Protein backbone atom coordinates (compact mmCIF):
# COMPACT_ATOMS: atom_id res chain seq x y z
CA MET A 1 237.18 120.92 75.16
CA LYS A 2 234.75 121.69 72.45
CA LYS A 3 234.84 125.05 70.87
CA ARG A 4 231.54 127.00 71.34
CA ILE A 5 229.80 127.92 68.13
CA ASP A 6 228.45 131.49 68.15
CA THR A 7 224.94 131.61 66.65
CA PHE A 8 225.39 135.22 65.57
CA PRO A 9 227.39 135.85 62.48
CA PRO A 10 230.25 138.20 62.72
CA SER A 11 228.17 140.77 60.77
CA ALA A 12 226.21 142.09 63.85
CA PRO A 13 227.40 145.69 63.55
CA PRO A 14 225.88 146.04 60.01
CA ILE A 15 222.47 144.95 61.43
CA ARG A 16 222.63 147.84 63.88
CA ARG A 17 223.40 150.19 60.99
CA LEU A 18 220.36 148.83 59.09
CA SER A 19 218.13 149.51 62.10
CA VAL A 20 219.26 153.15 62.16
CA ARG A 21 218.50 153.43 58.43
CA ASN A 22 214.97 152.08 59.01
CA GLN A 23 214.44 154.64 61.73
CA HIS A 24 215.41 157.43 59.31
CA ARG A 25 212.98 156.00 56.72
CA LYS A 26 210.15 155.90 59.28
CA SER A 27 210.94 159.46 60.28
CA GLY A 28 210.60 160.52 56.64
CA GLN A 29 207.26 158.75 56.35
CA THR A 30 206.04 160.45 59.51
CA LEU A 31 207.08 163.81 58.13
CA ILE A 32 205.13 163.16 54.92
CA PHE A 33 202.12 162.04 56.91
CA MET A 34 202.28 165.09 59.16
CA THR A 35 202.59 167.32 56.11
CA MET A 36 199.45 165.75 54.64
CA VAL A 37 197.63 166.22 57.94
CA VAL A 38 198.67 169.88 58.08
CA VAL A 39 197.52 170.41 54.46
CA MET A 40 194.19 168.73 55.18
CA LEU A 41 193.71 170.79 58.32
CA ALA A 42 194.58 173.95 56.43
CA PHE A 43 192.13 173.04 53.67
CA ALA A 44 189.45 172.28 56.27
CA ALA A 45 190.13 175.62 57.95
CA LEU A 46 189.83 177.45 54.62
CA PHE A 47 186.65 175.54 53.82
CA TYR A 48 185.24 176.49 57.20
CA PHE A 49 186.23 180.09 56.51
CA ASP A 50 184.49 179.99 53.11
CA VAL A 51 181.32 178.56 54.63
CA HIS A 52 181.37 181.10 57.43
CA LYS A 53 181.95 183.92 54.95
CA LEU A 54 179.11 182.73 52.73
CA LEU A 55 176.73 182.51 55.67
CA HIS A 56 177.83 185.97 56.78
CA VAL A 57 177.21 187.40 53.29
CA LYS A 58 173.78 185.77 53.22
CA ALA A 59 172.95 187.29 56.59
CA VAL A 60 174.13 190.72 55.46
CA SER A 61 172.14 190.39 52.22
CA ARG A 62 169.04 189.35 54.14
CA ASN A 63 169.27 192.30 56.51
CA ALA A 64 170.01 194.73 53.70
CA GLY A 65 167.23 193.36 51.49
CA ASP A 66 164.67 193.53 54.27
CA ALA A 67 165.72 197.07 55.15
CA ALA A 68 165.53 198.14 51.50
CA ALA A 69 162.06 196.65 51.02
CA LEU A 70 160.79 198.31 54.20
CA ALA A 71 162.24 201.67 53.11
CA GLY A 72 160.46 201.43 49.75
CA ALA A 73 157.15 200.43 51.35
CA ARG A 74 157.47 203.25 53.88
CA TRP A 75 157.64 205.81 51.07
CA GLN A 76 154.67 204.17 49.40
CA ALA A 77 152.70 204.68 52.63
CA ILE A 78 153.85 208.31 52.83
CA SER A 79 152.86 208.90 49.20
CA LEU A 80 149.44 207.30 49.65
CA ASN A 81 148.73 209.36 52.77
CA LEU A 82 149.79 212.58 51.04
CA THR A 83 147.58 211.70 48.08
CA GLY A 84 144.67 211.07 50.45
CA ASP A 85 145.20 214.37 52.25
CA LEU A 86 145.22 216.15 48.88
CA ASN A 87 141.99 214.42 47.89
CA LEU A 88 140.33 215.93 50.95
CA ALA A 89 141.91 219.31 50.27
CA ARG A 90 140.51 219.20 46.72
CA ALA A 91 137.08 218.34 48.04
CA LEU A 92 137.20 221.50 50.19
CA ALA A 93 138.43 223.55 47.22
CA HIS A 94 135.53 222.34 45.08
CA ILE A 95 133.03 223.00 47.84
CA GLU A 96 134.25 226.59 47.93
CA SER A 97 133.99 226.93 44.13
CA LEU A 98 130.52 225.35 43.87
CA SER A 99 129.24 227.45 46.76
CA ALA A 100 130.26 230.56 44.81
CA GLY A 101 128.85 229.21 41.55
CA GLN A 102 132.30 229.21 39.96
CA PRO A 103 134.28 226.59 38.01
CA PRO A 104 137.27 225.00 39.76
CA GLY A 105 139.96 227.54 40.47
CA ALA A 106 143.73 227.51 40.41
CA ASP A 107 143.91 225.85 43.82
CA ALA A 108 142.16 222.70 42.59
CA GLU A 109 144.40 222.53 39.53
CA ALA A 110 147.53 222.96 41.67
CA ILE A 111 146.40 220.16 43.98
CA GLU A 112 145.86 217.82 41.02
CA GLU A 113 149.31 218.60 39.65
CA LEU A 114 150.84 217.99 43.07
CA GLN A 115 149.13 214.59 43.23
CA ARG A 116 150.56 213.68 39.84
CA ARG A 117 154.05 214.56 41.01
CA ILE A 118 153.67 212.64 44.25
CA ALA A 119 152.65 209.53 42.28
CA PHE A 120 156.08 209.68 40.61
CA ALA A 121 158.41 211.41 43.04
CA GLY A 122 157.26 209.55 46.18
CA PRO A 123 158.09 206.06 44.88
CA VAL A 124 161.32 207.33 43.31
CA PHE A 125 162.32 208.69 46.72
CA GLY A 126 161.46 205.24 48.06
CA PHE A 127 163.83 203.69 45.55
CA MET A 128 166.52 206.09 46.70
CA ALA A 129 165.82 205.25 50.36
CA ALA A 130 166.08 201.55 49.51
CA GLN A 131 169.53 202.09 48.01
CA GLN A 132 170.73 203.90 51.11
CA ALA A 133 169.24 201.29 53.45
CA ALA A 134 171.11 198.51 51.64
CA LYS A 135 174.38 200.44 51.62
CA ASN A 136 174.03 201.19 55.31
CA ASN A 137 173.85 197.42 55.84
CA GLY A 138 177.08 196.70 53.99
CA ILE A 139 175.91 196.11 50.40
CA PHE A 140 177.98 197.59 47.58
CA ASN A 141 176.95 198.92 44.19
CA GLN A 142 176.19 196.41 41.47
CA PRO A 143 177.23 197.57 37.96
CA ALA A 144 174.68 195.26 36.30
CA PHE A 145 171.85 197.18 37.97
CA SER A 146 173.22 200.47 36.72
CA ASP A 147 173.60 199.12 33.18
CA SER A 148 169.95 198.04 33.12
CA LEU A 149 168.77 201.42 34.41
CA ARG A 150 170.94 203.22 31.86
CA SER A 151 169.22 201.32 29.06
CA HIS A 152 165.82 202.21 30.46
CA ILE A 153 166.69 205.90 30.72
CA PHE A 154 167.45 205.79 27.00
CA ILE A 155 163.93 204.42 26.39
CA VAL A 156 162.43 207.22 28.51
CA GLU A 157 164.31 209.91 26.60
CA THR A 158 163.50 208.51 23.17
CA GLU A 159 160.29 206.46 23.11
CA TYR A 160 158.38 207.89 26.07
CA VAL A 161 158.95 211.45 24.93
CA GLU A 162 157.51 210.61 21.51
CA THR A 163 154.70 208.18 22.36
CA LEU A 164 153.29 209.06 25.81
CA PRO A 165 151.69 212.12 27.38
CA GLU A 166 153.78 213.90 29.96
CA PRO A 167 153.61 212.44 33.49
CA PHE A 168 153.46 215.91 35.04
CA ALA A 169 153.98 219.52 34.05
CA PRO A 170 157.73 220.17 33.74
CA MET A 171 159.54 222.73 35.85
CA PRO A 172 162.17 225.04 34.34
CA PRO A 173 164.64 224.41 32.81
CA TYR A 174 162.83 221.30 31.53
CA ALA A 175 160.56 221.55 28.52
CA ASN A 176 159.14 218.04 28.95
CA GLY A 177 158.15 216.13 32.05
CA TRP A 178 159.76 212.95 30.74
CA MET A 179 163.16 214.61 30.58
CA GLU A 180 162.76 215.72 34.19
CA TYR A 181 161.82 212.15 35.13
CA ALA A 182 164.85 210.82 33.25
CA ASP A 183 167.09 213.14 35.25
CA MET A 184 165.53 211.81 38.47
CA LEU A 185 166.59 208.32 37.42
CA ARG A 186 170.01 209.51 36.31
CA VAL A 187 170.76 210.52 39.91
CA PHE A 188 170.91 206.81 40.74
CA LEU A 189 173.56 206.26 38.09
CA ASP A 190 175.71 208.94 39.71
CA GLN A 191 175.38 207.36 43.15
CA GLY A 192 175.39 203.71 42.03
CA LEU A 193 172.73 201.05 42.54
CA ALA A 194 173.02 198.45 45.29
CA VAL A 195 169.39 197.31 44.96
CA ASP A 196 167.20 196.34 42.03
CA ALA A 197 163.43 196.46 42.27
CA GLY A 198 160.32 195.17 40.55
CA TRP A 199 159.74 197.63 37.71
CA THR A 200 156.55 198.12 35.69
CA TYR A 201 157.42 199.89 32.45
CA PHE A 202 154.97 202.14 30.60
CA GLY A 203 154.75 199.59 27.88
CA ALA A 204 153.73 195.97 27.94
CA TYR A 205 152.85 193.28 25.44
CA ALA A 206 149.13 192.78 24.84
CA ASN A 207 149.60 189.21 26.05
CA MET A 208 152.52 187.07 27.20
CA ASN A 209 151.52 183.81 25.55
CA HIS A 210 154.35 183.87 23.01
CA LEU A 211 157.09 181.32 23.80
CA LEU A 212 159.78 184.00 23.53
CA LEU A 213 157.98 185.95 26.27
CA THR A 214 158.09 182.99 28.66
CA PRO A 215 161.01 183.16 31.13
CA GLU A 216 160.87 179.41 31.71
CA PHE A 217 161.80 178.84 28.07
CA TYR A 218 165.19 180.43 28.69
CA ASP A 219 165.58 178.62 32.02
CA ALA A 220 165.04 175.33 30.19
CA ILE A 221 167.70 176.20 27.61
CA ALA A 222 170.24 177.10 30.28
CA GLY A 223 169.54 173.98 32.34
CA ARG A 224 169.12 171.60 29.39
CA SER A 225 165.71 170.79 30.86
CA TRP A 226 164.53 168.59 28.03
CA CYS A 227 161.48 167.44 29.98
CA TRP A 228 160.27 171.04 30.00
CA PHE A 229 160.46 171.09 26.21
CA TYR A 230 158.73 167.71 26.07
CA ASN A 231 155.86 169.03 28.20
CA ASN A 232 155.60 172.56 26.82
CA ALA A 233 157.31 173.07 23.45
CA LEU A 234 157.99 169.72 21.79
CA ASP A 235 156.71 170.77 18.35
CA THR A 236 158.84 173.89 18.41
CA LEU A 237 161.94 171.88 19.36
CA GLN A 238 161.36 169.38 16.53
CA ASP A 239 160.25 171.73 13.74
CA TYR A 240 162.37 174.82 14.34
CA ASN A 241 164.79 175.82 11.57
CA ASP A 242 165.82 179.42 12.19
CA TRP A 243 164.58 182.71 13.65
CA THR A 244 162.20 183.34 10.76
CA ASP A 245 160.00 180.50 12.06
CA TRP A 246 158.79 182.53 15.04
CA GLY A 247 155.33 184.01 14.90
CA ASP A 248 154.96 187.75 15.39
CA LEU A 249 155.20 189.14 18.89
CA PRO A 250 151.98 190.67 20.26
CA PRO A 251 151.80 194.47 20.06
CA ILE A 252 153.28 196.61 22.81
CA LEU A 253 150.62 198.69 24.53
CA ARG A 254 151.70 201.95 26.16
CA SER A 255 149.89 202.59 29.42
CA PRO A 256 149.12 206.15 30.55
CA PRO A 257 151.67 207.56 33.00
CA VAL A 258 149.59 207.64 36.18
CA ASN A 259 151.90 205.64 38.46
CA ALA A 260 155.65 205.42 38.83
CA GLU A 261 157.49 202.54 37.21
CA VAL A 262 159.18 201.49 40.45
CA PHE A 263 157.29 200.97 43.73
CA GLY A 264 154.14 202.10 41.93
CA LEU A 265 151.06 203.10 43.93
CA HIS A 266 148.64 201.59 41.39
CA LEU A 267 146.10 204.38 41.43
CA GLN A 268 143.73 205.68 38.78
CA ARG A 269 141.94 208.97 38.29
CA PHE A 270 138.22 209.81 38.07
CA ARG A 271 136.42 213.01 37.28
CA VAL A 272 135.99 214.72 40.60
CA LEU A 273 132.18 214.92 40.51
CA ASP A 274 131.52 211.62 38.77
CA ALA A 275 132.53 209.44 41.71
CA ILE A 276 131.97 211.03 45.10
CA PRO A 277 131.81 208.07 47.49
CA VAL A 278 129.38 207.64 50.37
CA LEU A 279 131.52 206.95 53.40
CA ASN A 280 130.49 205.46 56.70
CA PRO A 281 129.02 208.24 58.89
CA ASP A 282 131.56 207.34 61.56
CA LEU A 283 134.41 208.50 59.31
CA SER A 284 135.56 212.05 59.91
CA TRP A 285 135.55 212.89 56.20
CA GLU A 286 131.97 211.85 55.43
CA GLU A 287 130.58 215.27 56.34
CA THR A 288 132.88 216.97 53.84
CA LEU A 289 131.99 214.59 51.01
CA ALA A 290 128.27 214.73 51.85
CA ARG A 291 128.44 218.51 51.49
CA LEU A 292 130.14 218.14 48.10
CA ARG A 293 127.47 215.70 46.88
CA SER A 294 124.74 218.08 47.97
CA LEU A 295 126.31 221.00 46.09
CA ARG A 296 126.71 218.85 43.02
CA ARG A 297 122.99 218.01 42.97
CA ASP A 298 122.03 221.68 43.22
CA ALA A 299 124.66 223.09 40.81
CA ASP A 300 123.95 224.46 37.36
CA PRO A 301 124.48 221.65 34.78
CA GLU A 302 126.50 224.00 32.57
CA LEU A 303 128.78 224.74 35.49
CA LEU A 304 129.35 221.04 36.12
CA GLU A 305 130.62 220.60 32.58
CA ASP A 306 133.69 222.63 33.54
CA TYR A 307 134.52 220.28 36.39
CA ASN A 308 136.97 218.12 34.48
CA ALA A 309 139.60 217.84 37.22
CA ASN A 310 140.45 214.36 38.49
CA TRP A 311 141.20 212.90 41.88
CA ALA A 312 142.95 209.73 42.93
CA TYR A 313 141.16 206.41 43.31
CA TYR A 314 142.46 202.89 43.89
CA SER A 315 142.82 200.76 40.77
CA GLY A 316 141.49 197.23 40.38
CA ARG A 317 144.87 195.97 41.55
CA TRP A 318 143.74 196.90 45.06
CA SER A 319 141.17 194.10 45.13
CA THR A 320 141.60 191.19 47.54
CA TRP A 321 145.22 190.31 48.10
CA THR A 322 144.62 186.58 48.36
CA GLY A 323 142.53 186.63 45.18
CA HIS A 324 145.53 187.74 43.09
CA MET A 325 147.41 184.50 43.71
CA ARG A 326 146.53 182.04 40.94
CA ASP A 327 148.01 178.98 42.61
CA GLY A 328 147.32 179.63 46.25
CA PHE A 329 148.33 182.35 48.65
CA PRO A 330 151.87 181.67 50.00
CA TRP A 331 151.02 182.23 53.63
CA ASP A 332 150.23 179.93 56.53
CA GLY A 333 146.96 180.84 58.20
CA ASP A 334 144.19 183.25 57.29
CA ILE A 335 144.58 186.94 56.45
CA ARG A 336 142.28 189.17 58.46
CA GLY A 337 139.73 190.90 56.27
CA GLU A 338 140.89 194.45 57.01
CA PHE A 339 144.36 193.54 55.66
CA ASP A 340 143.27 191.50 52.63
CA TYR A 341 143.95 194.00 49.85
CA GLY A 342 146.55 194.05 47.09
CA GLY A 343 147.81 197.24 45.54
CA ALA A 344 151.13 198.80 46.41
CA ASP A 345 154.08 196.74 47.61
CA ALA A 346 157.86 196.91 47.31
CA ALA A 347 159.85 193.96 45.94
CA VAL A 348 163.66 194.26 45.85
CA ARG A 349 166.62 192.12 44.90
CA ILE A 350 170.21 192.22 46.12
CA MET A 351 173.09 190.45 44.41
CA THR A 352 176.36 189.95 46.28
CA GLU A 353 179.50 188.14 45.13
CA THR A 354 181.94 186.35 47.41
CA GLU A 355 185.39 184.93 46.66
CA ARG A 356 186.32 181.37 47.60
CA HIS A 357 189.59 180.22 49.16
CA THR A 358 188.84 176.61 48.31
CA GLY A 359 187.47 174.94 45.23
CA PHE A 360 187.95 175.90 41.62
CA GLN A 361 184.74 177.76 40.78
CA GLY A 362 186.04 181.20 41.60
CA GLY A 363 183.29 182.36 43.95
CA ASP A 364 179.61 182.42 44.83
CA THR A 365 176.83 184.84 43.92
CA VAL A 366 174.21 185.40 46.59
CA ASN A 367 170.82 186.59 45.33
CA TRP A 368 168.38 187.76 47.96
CA THR A 369 164.84 188.97 47.33
CA ALA A 370 162.58 190.66 49.85
CA GLY A 371 159.13 192.19 49.87
CA ALA A 372 157.29 194.66 52.07
CA LYS A 373 153.90 196.31 51.99
CA PRO A 374 152.21 199.38 53.53
CA PHE A 375 149.23 198.54 55.75
CA GLY A 376 146.47 200.52 57.39
CA PHE A 377 142.72 200.63 57.78
CA LEU A 378 139.88 203.03 58.30
CA GLU A 379 137.78 203.12 61.44
CA GLY A 380 135.87 199.94 61.92
CA PRO A 381 138.39 198.48 61.09
CA THR A 382 137.73 198.69 57.35
CA ARG A 383 140.05 198.13 54.41
CA PRO A 384 141.48 201.46 53.16
CA ASN A 385 140.23 200.80 49.60
CA THR A 386 136.64 200.07 50.64
CA TYR A 387 135.26 203.34 49.22
CA GLY A 388 137.58 203.61 46.22
CA LEU A 389 138.77 207.10 47.11
CA VAL A 390 142.34 207.32 48.43
CA LEU A 391 142.26 208.50 52.05
CA PRO A 392 145.10 208.96 54.57
CA ALA A 393 144.83 205.56 56.24
CA PHE A 394 148.29 203.93 56.16
CA THR A 395 150.06 203.63 59.47
CA ASP A 396 152.50 200.73 59.20
CA VAL A 397 154.75 198.68 56.90
CA ARG A 398 155.52 194.99 57.19
CA LEU A 399 157.70 192.42 55.47
CA ILE A 400 155.72 189.93 53.36
CA PRO A 401 156.71 186.75 51.48
CA ILE A 402 158.27 187.63 48.15
CA ASP A 403 155.83 185.32 46.34
CA SER A 404 152.92 187.37 47.67
CA THR A 405 154.22 190.63 46.19
CA LEU A 406 152.39 191.77 43.08
CA SER A 407 155.28 193.94 41.88
CA ALA A 408 157.55 190.89 41.56
CA GLY A 409 155.33 189.33 38.90
CA GLY A 410 155.99 189.13 35.17
CA GLY A 411 159.70 188.54 35.62
CA SER A 412 160.28 192.09 36.89
CA LEU A 413 162.86 190.88 39.44
CA ARG A 414 164.71 188.76 36.92
CA PRO A 415 167.93 190.60 36.04
CA GLY A 416 167.88 191.75 32.44
CA TRP A 417 164.44 190.32 31.61
CA LEU A 418 162.50 193.53 30.96
CA GLU A 419 165.41 194.99 29.06
CA PHE A 420 165.58 191.84 26.94
CA ILE A 421 161.91 191.65 25.97
CA MET A 422 161.46 195.39 25.46
CA VAL A 423 164.74 196.26 23.71
CA TYR A 424 166.63 193.25 22.36
CA LEU A 425 163.83 190.86 21.48
CA PRO A 426 162.12 193.19 18.94
CA ASP A 427 165.51 193.70 17.22
CA TYR A 428 166.04 189.93 17.12
CA MET A 429 162.62 189.41 15.57
CA GLU A 430 163.51 191.87 12.82
CA HIS A 431 167.20 191.12 12.17
CA GLY A 432 167.94 187.69 13.62
CA PRO A 433 170.45 186.45 16.23
CA SER A 434 173.33 188.58 14.89
CA VAL A 435 171.99 191.60 16.82
CA LEU A 436 171.73 189.82 20.18
CA PRO A 437 174.12 191.36 22.74
CA SER A 438 176.62 189.23 24.62
CA GLY A 439 176.02 190.81 28.02
CA ASN A 440 172.36 189.83 28.47
CA TRP A 441 171.72 186.38 29.95
CA TYR A 442 168.49 185.81 28.03
CA ALA A 443 170.14 186.83 24.77
CA GLN A 444 172.88 184.29 25.45
CA GLN A 445 170.30 181.52 25.89
CA LEU A 446 168.60 182.53 22.66
CA ARG A 447 171.96 182.28 20.88
CA THR A 448 172.29 178.75 22.27
CA TRP A 449 168.80 177.89 21.03
CA GLU A 450 169.78 178.93 17.51
CA GLN A 451 172.47 176.22 17.42
CA ASN A 452 171.14 173.17 15.55
CA GLN A 453 173.35 170.82 17.58
CA PHE A 454 171.72 172.00 20.79
CA ARG A 455 168.23 171.24 19.51
CA GLN A 456 169.24 167.87 18.06
CA THR A 457 170.75 166.89 21.40
CA GLY A 458 167.43 167.62 23.05
CA ILE A 459 165.45 165.67 20.47
CA GLN A 460 167.69 162.62 20.87
CA TRP A 461 167.44 162.78 24.66
CA ILE A 462 163.64 162.98 24.51
CA LEU A 463 163.44 160.02 22.12
CA ALA A 464 165.40 157.91 24.60
CA ASN A 465 164.08 159.24 27.90
CA SER A 466 160.61 160.76 27.42
CA ALA A 467 159.14 158.14 29.78
CA ARG A 468 161.03 159.87 32.60
CA CYS A 469 159.24 163.17 31.99
CA HIS A 470 156.24 163.83 34.20
CA ARG A 471 154.22 167.01 33.92
CA PRO A 472 154.13 168.79 37.30
CA PRO A 473 150.68 169.16 38.85
CA SER A 474 148.94 172.50 38.54
CA GLY A 475 149.55 174.82 41.43
CA SER A 476 152.99 173.47 42.18
CA GLY A 477 154.77 176.73 41.73
CA GLY A 478 152.92 179.28 39.70
CA SER A 479 154.50 178.65 36.31
CA SER A 480 154.69 176.07 33.63
CA SER A 481 158.14 175.15 34.84
CA GLY A 482 156.61 173.62 37.94
CA GLY A 483 158.63 175.76 40.32
CA THR A 484 159.22 179.22 41.61
CA MET A 485 162.31 181.39 41.31
CA HIS A 486 162.02 182.47 44.94
CA GLY A 487 163.20 180.17 47.66
CA HIS A 488 162.04 182.07 50.71
């Protein structure tokens, strides 16, 4: 009988042990895979949380910005209506004086002084209301806004006091109206600023054609936008050696203090008897003004010489709203004629910072700009500025596109811009880059410009790539950069 040959070697038990070892190895691989899945899910959850948080912050900023702009515009409407009511009260006061053959009395002078105060205090109250509206909507104070205002208060207390007439008669214990105004602004430093606004300082360059007064120049430096230099400042890029090559800045012109610097009403003043308008007979105030015109015609010429008091009129800024837009009005559809006027509007900016849980950039900064405008019309309906004289006609405020706000022009909503061109730039022109501060963004870009390596890099890039540079068509965004800083 043949002996059966077993096809399995006597080492079968070790094979079973190897199978168990493979199972342990697969279990370890599964654990690693599951760990990676958990990490990826956790990262995805954090990313979702970051996105949700960013969207939430944007929504909060939008609501707060809109509320702040509306609050500022509401105070502009209140101030304009009060000014209009005082115009009519002054007309009655002058009728009484002319009827008695007397020069304007103390009542007319008190009304004029009250109008001057309203032109400042009303918009400043609007700025305060804008701060509170933003804070009520969850926006916190921004130290950068306070720093900028602190620098401007210094200008008010030093330069304005010396170079400009007083904005209004000071009340005790103040000896100068500018010091009283500076204390109004200092209240915001005590409470903290959550909102910045479009400011119009009582000083502006005679023209803004100088390259150093062009915001896009600094944008191009920061973004290494060599095509911008190729299209707008190629000679300067190639020939520049140091800060002594710049031509002189245009002179700074100080404007008379008729309007506030923030949320200004943009009014002017006329001699009370030099510009008495003829209103539509349907308007309730025409009878009063017709009586004043009649008394003026019959008054003694020597008496009229004493009528040097002023009343409030709309400035040329109150011309057609659509006509102010150089590159097209940023609005779909037509604007009805009774609403097509420029003038007062409120432009605000909110800056909010968020922390990231993912990524390595540290966080995001959300900038939100918003604009609002007071609206109203006389009977007809007729634009409120039709007759020049300010009358109480404003009944509503509405949000408007930020690019249609006049107060956002000239870089006024750019953080640090006005401070840079009014304070730091003149020092740079006199002493060079050593005096440029480190905390101002525009000063930082100017420091970069002074580096020869930076300019040579741009020249070399243009030599190799100038064919890729195409000048943007006119009207593409309202500036030589071919774009706009506002995205909504």
